[in-house]
Amino acid sequence: MFEAWPPTNDQILTIASSALNKSQNKDVKVLVYWENDPNLMIFDPIMFANTEYIRKKYTHNERSVEVSIGKID
């Protein structure tokens, strides 16, 4: 499911949905690294690897999720 870079919009939405399900916070920030298992989520990241990123933000039912996907760790 998570092979080719860059991830598709559907793959990004899957990560965003999963992050909202795993967190009870109103505003969620999550980081995943594509070369690793994208199901391994880092919530409220404070450090980022020096790599290419895709960043998307979504809102759903008064909650928001900001997804950062790094190409490599």
N, C-alpha and C. Protein backbone atom coordinates (compact mmCIF):
# COMPACT_ATOMS: atom_id res chain seq x y z
N MET A 1 0.82 -1.20 0.00
CA MET A 1 0.00 0.00 0.00
C MET A 1 0.86 1.25 0.00
N PHE A 2 1.99 1.25 0.69
CA PHE A 2 2.79 2.45 0.84
C PHE A 2 4.16 2.26 0.18
N GLU A 3 4.21 2.10 -1.14
CA GLU A 3 5.49 1.85 -1.77
C GLU A 3 6.06 3.09 -2.43
N ALA A 4 5.38 3.62 -3.41
CA ALA A 4 5.93 4.66 -4.28
C ALA A 4 5.83 6.05 -3.65
N TRP A 5 6.85 6.83 -3.90
CA TRP A 5 6.86 8.24 -3.49
C TRP A 5 6.52 9.05 -4.72
N PRO A 6 5.73 10.05 -4.64
CA PRO A 6 5.02 10.54 -3.45
C PRO A 6 3.74 9.75 -3.19
N PRO A 7 3.25 9.83 -1.97
CA PRO A 7 1.99 9.15 -1.65
C PRO A 7 0.83 9.78 -2.40
N THR A 8 -0.17 8.97 -2.68
CA THR A 8 -1.38 9.47 -3.34
C THR A 8 -2.24 10.23 -2.33
N ASN A 9 -3.20 10.98 -2.85
CA ASN A 9 -4.13 11.68 -1.96
C ASN A 9 -4.90 10.70 -1.08
N ASP A 10 -5.27 9.56 -1.63
CA ASP A 10 -5.99 8.55 -0.83
C ASP A 10 -5.11 8.02 0.30
N GLN A 11 -3.83 7.81 0.04
CA GLN A 11 -2.92 7.33 1.08
C GLN A 11 -2.75 8.39 2.18
N ILE A 12 -2.67 9.66 1.78
CA ILE A 12 -2.55 10.75 2.76
C ILE A 12 -3.82 10.83 3.60
N LEU A 13 -4.97 10.70 2.97
CA LEU A 13 -6.23 10.72 3.71
C LEU A 13 -6.33 9.54 4.68
N THR A 14 -5.81 8.39 4.29
CA THR A 14 -5.81 7.22 5.18
C THR A 14 -4.99 7.52 6.44
N ILE A 15 -3.84 8.13 6.27
CA ILE A 15 -2.99 8.50 7.42
C ILE A 15 -3.71 9.53 8.29
N ALA A 16 -4.32 10.54 7.66
CA ALA A 16 -5.03 11.58 8.41
C ALA A 16 -6.17 10.99 9.22
N SER A 17 -6.94 10.12 8.61
CA SER A 17 -8.06 9.47 9.29
C SER A 17 -7.58 8.62 10.46
N SER A 18 -6.53 7.87 10.24
CA SER A 18 -5.97 7.03 11.29
C SER A 18 -5.47 7.87 12.46
N ALA A 19 -4.83 8.99 12.16
CA ALA A 19 -4.33 9.88 13.22
C ALA A 19 -5.48 10.44 14.05
N LEU A 20 -6.56 10.83 13.40
CA LEU A 20 -7.73 11.34 14.14
C LEU A 20 -8.33 10.25 15.02
N ASN A 21 -8.33 9.03 14.54
CA ASN A 21 -8.88 7.92 15.32
C ASN A 21 -8.01 7.57 16.52
N LYS A 22 -6.70 7.75 16.40
CA LYS A 22 -5.78 7.38 17.47
C LYS A 22 -5.60 8.47 18.52
N SER A 23 -5.99 9.69 18.21
CA SER A 23 -5.81 10.80 19.14
C SER A 23 -7.16 11.36 19.56
N GLN A 24 -7.24 11.81 20.79
CA GLN A 24 -8.45 12.45 21.28
C GLN A 24 -8.36 13.97 21.21
N ASN A 25 -7.20 14.49 20.81
CA ASN A 25 -7.02 15.95 20.74
C ASN A 25 -7.91 16.56 19.67
N LYS A 26 -8.28 17.81 19.88
CA LYS A 26 -9.08 18.52 18.89
C LYS A 26 -8.25 18.80 17.64
N ASP A 27 -7.02 19.25 17.84
CA ASP A 27 -6.11 19.56 16.75
C ASP A 27 -4.94 18.59 16.82
N VAL A 28 -4.76 17.81 15.79
CA VAL A 28 -3.77 16.74 15.77
C VAL A 28 -2.67 17.09 14.77
N LYS A 29 -1.42 16.89 15.18
CA LYS A 29 -0.28 17.01 14.28
C LYS A 29 0.44 15.68 14.28
N VAL A 30 0.69 15.15 13.09
CA VAL A 30 1.31 13.83 12.99
C VAL A 30 2.38 13.84 11.90
N LEU A 31 3.45 13.10 12.17
CA LEU A 31 4.56 12.95 11.25
C LEU A 31 4.79 11.47 11.00
N VAL A 32 4.94 11.11 9.72
CA VAL A 32 5.34 9.75 9.36
C VAL A 32 6.47 9.85 8.35
N TYR A 33 7.29 8.81 8.33
CA TYR A 33 8.35 8.72 7.33
C TYR A 33 8.02 7.58 6.38
N TRP A 34 7.96 7.90 5.10
CA TRP A 34 7.47 6.98 4.08
C TRP A 34 8.32 5.74 3.93
N GLU A 35 9.65 5.86 4.07
CA GLU A 35 10.50 4.67 3.89
C GLU A 35 10.34 3.70 5.06
N ASN A 36 9.91 4.20 6.20
CA ASN A 36 9.59 3.34 7.34
C ASN A 36 8.14 2.91 7.19
N ASP A 37 7.58 2.34 8.17
CA ASP A 37 6.18 1.98 8.17
C ASP A 37 5.34 3.24 8.39
N PRO A 38 4.58 3.69 7.39
CA PRO A 38 3.78 4.91 7.57
C PRO A 38 2.71 4.79 8.66
N ASN A 39 2.48 3.56 9.15
CA ASN A 39 1.56 3.39 10.27
C ASN A 39 2.21 3.76 11.59
N LEU A 40 3.53 3.94 11.59
CA LEU A 40 4.26 4.39 12.77
C LEU A 40 4.16 5.92 12.81
N MET A 41 3.32 6.43 13.66
CA MET A 41 3.02 7.86 13.69
C MET A 41 3.70 8.54 14.87
N ILE A 42 4.24 9.70 14.60
CA ILE A 42 4.84 10.54 15.64
C ILE A 42 3.88 11.72 15.83
N PHE A 43 3.26 11.77 17.00
CA PHE A 43 2.31 12.84 17.28
C PHE A 43 3.05 14.03 17.89
N ASP A 44 2.62 15.22 17.53
CA ASP A 44 3.21 16.48 18.00
C ASP A 44 4.73 16.48 17.82
N PRO A 45 5.20 16.28 16.58
CA PRO A 45 6.65 16.21 16.35
C PRO A 45 7.33 17.54 16.64
N ILE A 46 8.56 17.46 17.14
CA ILE A 46 9.34 18.68 17.39
C ILE A 46 10.62 18.71 16.56
N MET A 47 11.00 17.55 16.01
CA MET A 47 12.19 17.48 15.16
C MET A 47 11.81 16.82 13.84
N PHE A 48 12.44 17.29 12.77
CA PHE A 48 12.17 16.77 11.44
C PHE A 48 13.49 16.45 10.75
N ALA A 49 13.54 15.32 10.05
CA ALA A 49 14.72 14.93 9.29
C ALA A 49 14.89 15.88 8.10
N ASN A 50 16.10 15.95 7.59
CA ASN A 50 16.40 16.77 6.43
C ASN A 50 16.03 15.97 5.17
N THR A 51 14.77 16.08 4.74
CA THR A 51 14.26 15.33 3.61
C THR A 51 13.12 16.09 2.96
N GLU A 52 12.62 15.56 1.89
CA GLU A 52 11.46 16.14 1.20
C GLU A 52 10.19 15.80 1.98
N TYR A 53 9.28 16.76 2.08
CA TYR A 53 8.03 16.55 2.81
C TYR A 53 6.82 16.90 1.98
N ILE A 54 5.75 16.21 2.28
CA ILE A 54 4.42 16.59 1.81
C ILE A 54 3.63 16.92 3.06
N ARG A 55 3.00 18.08 3.06
CA ARG A 55 2.21 18.50 4.22
C ARG A 55 0.80 18.83 3.77
N LYS A 56 -0.16 18.30 4.49
CA LYS A 56 -1.58 18.55 4.21
C LYS A 56 -2.30 18.78 5.54
N LYS A 57 -3.32 19.61 5.48
CA LYS A 57 -4.14 19.86 6.67
C LYS A 57 -5.59 19.65 6.28
N TYR A 58 -6.31 18.94 7.14
CA TYR A 58 -7.72 18.64 6.92
C TYR A 58 -8.51 19.00 8.17
N THR A 59 -9.79 19.30 7.98
CA THR A 59 -10.69 19.52 9.11
C THR A 59 -11.87 18.57 8.96
N HIS A 60 -12.37 18.12 10.12
CA HIS A 60 -13.51 17.21 10.14
C HIS A 60 -14.21 17.35 11.49
N ASN A 61 -15.49 17.69 11.46
CA ASN A 61 -16.30 17.82 12.68
C ASN A 61 -15.60 18.64 13.77
N GLU A 62 -15.17 19.83 13.42
CA GLU A 62 -14.53 20.77 14.35
C GLU A 62 -13.17 20.30 14.85
N ARG A 63 -12.63 19.27 14.25
CA ARG A 63 -11.27 18.81 14.57
C ARG A 63 -10.40 19.05 13.34
N SER A 64 -9.10 19.17 13.57
CA SER A 64 -8.19 19.31 12.45
C SER A 64 -7.05 18.32 12.60
N VAL A 65 -6.48 17.95 11.47
CA VAL A 65 -5.31 17.08 11.47
C VAL A 65 -4.33 17.65 10.45
N GLU A 66 -3.10 17.82 10.90
CA GLU A 66 -2.02 18.29 10.05
C GLU A 66 -1.05 17.13 9.86
N VAL A 67 -0.93 16.67 8.62
CA VAL A 67 -0.13 15.50 8.29
C VAL A 67 1.16 15.96 7.61
N SER A 68 2.29 15.51 8.13
CA SER A 68 3.59 15.72 7.50
C SER A 68 4.14 14.34 7.15
N ILE A 69 4.45 14.15 5.87
CA ILE A 69 5.01 12.87 5.42
C ILE A 69 6.39 13.15 4.87
N GLY A 70 7.40 12.58 5.53
CA GLY A 70 8.77 12.72 5.07
C GLY A 70 9.16 11.55 4.19
N LYS A 71 9.93 11.84 3.15
CA LYS A 71 10.32 10.78 2.22
C LYS A 71 11.23 9.76 2.89
N ILE A 72 12.27 10.22 3.58
CA ILE A 72 13.17 9.30 4.28
C ILE A 72 13.46 9.82 5.69
N ASP A 73 13.82 8.92 6.58
CA ASP A 73 14.10 9.27 7.97
C ASP A 73 15.57 9.61 8.12
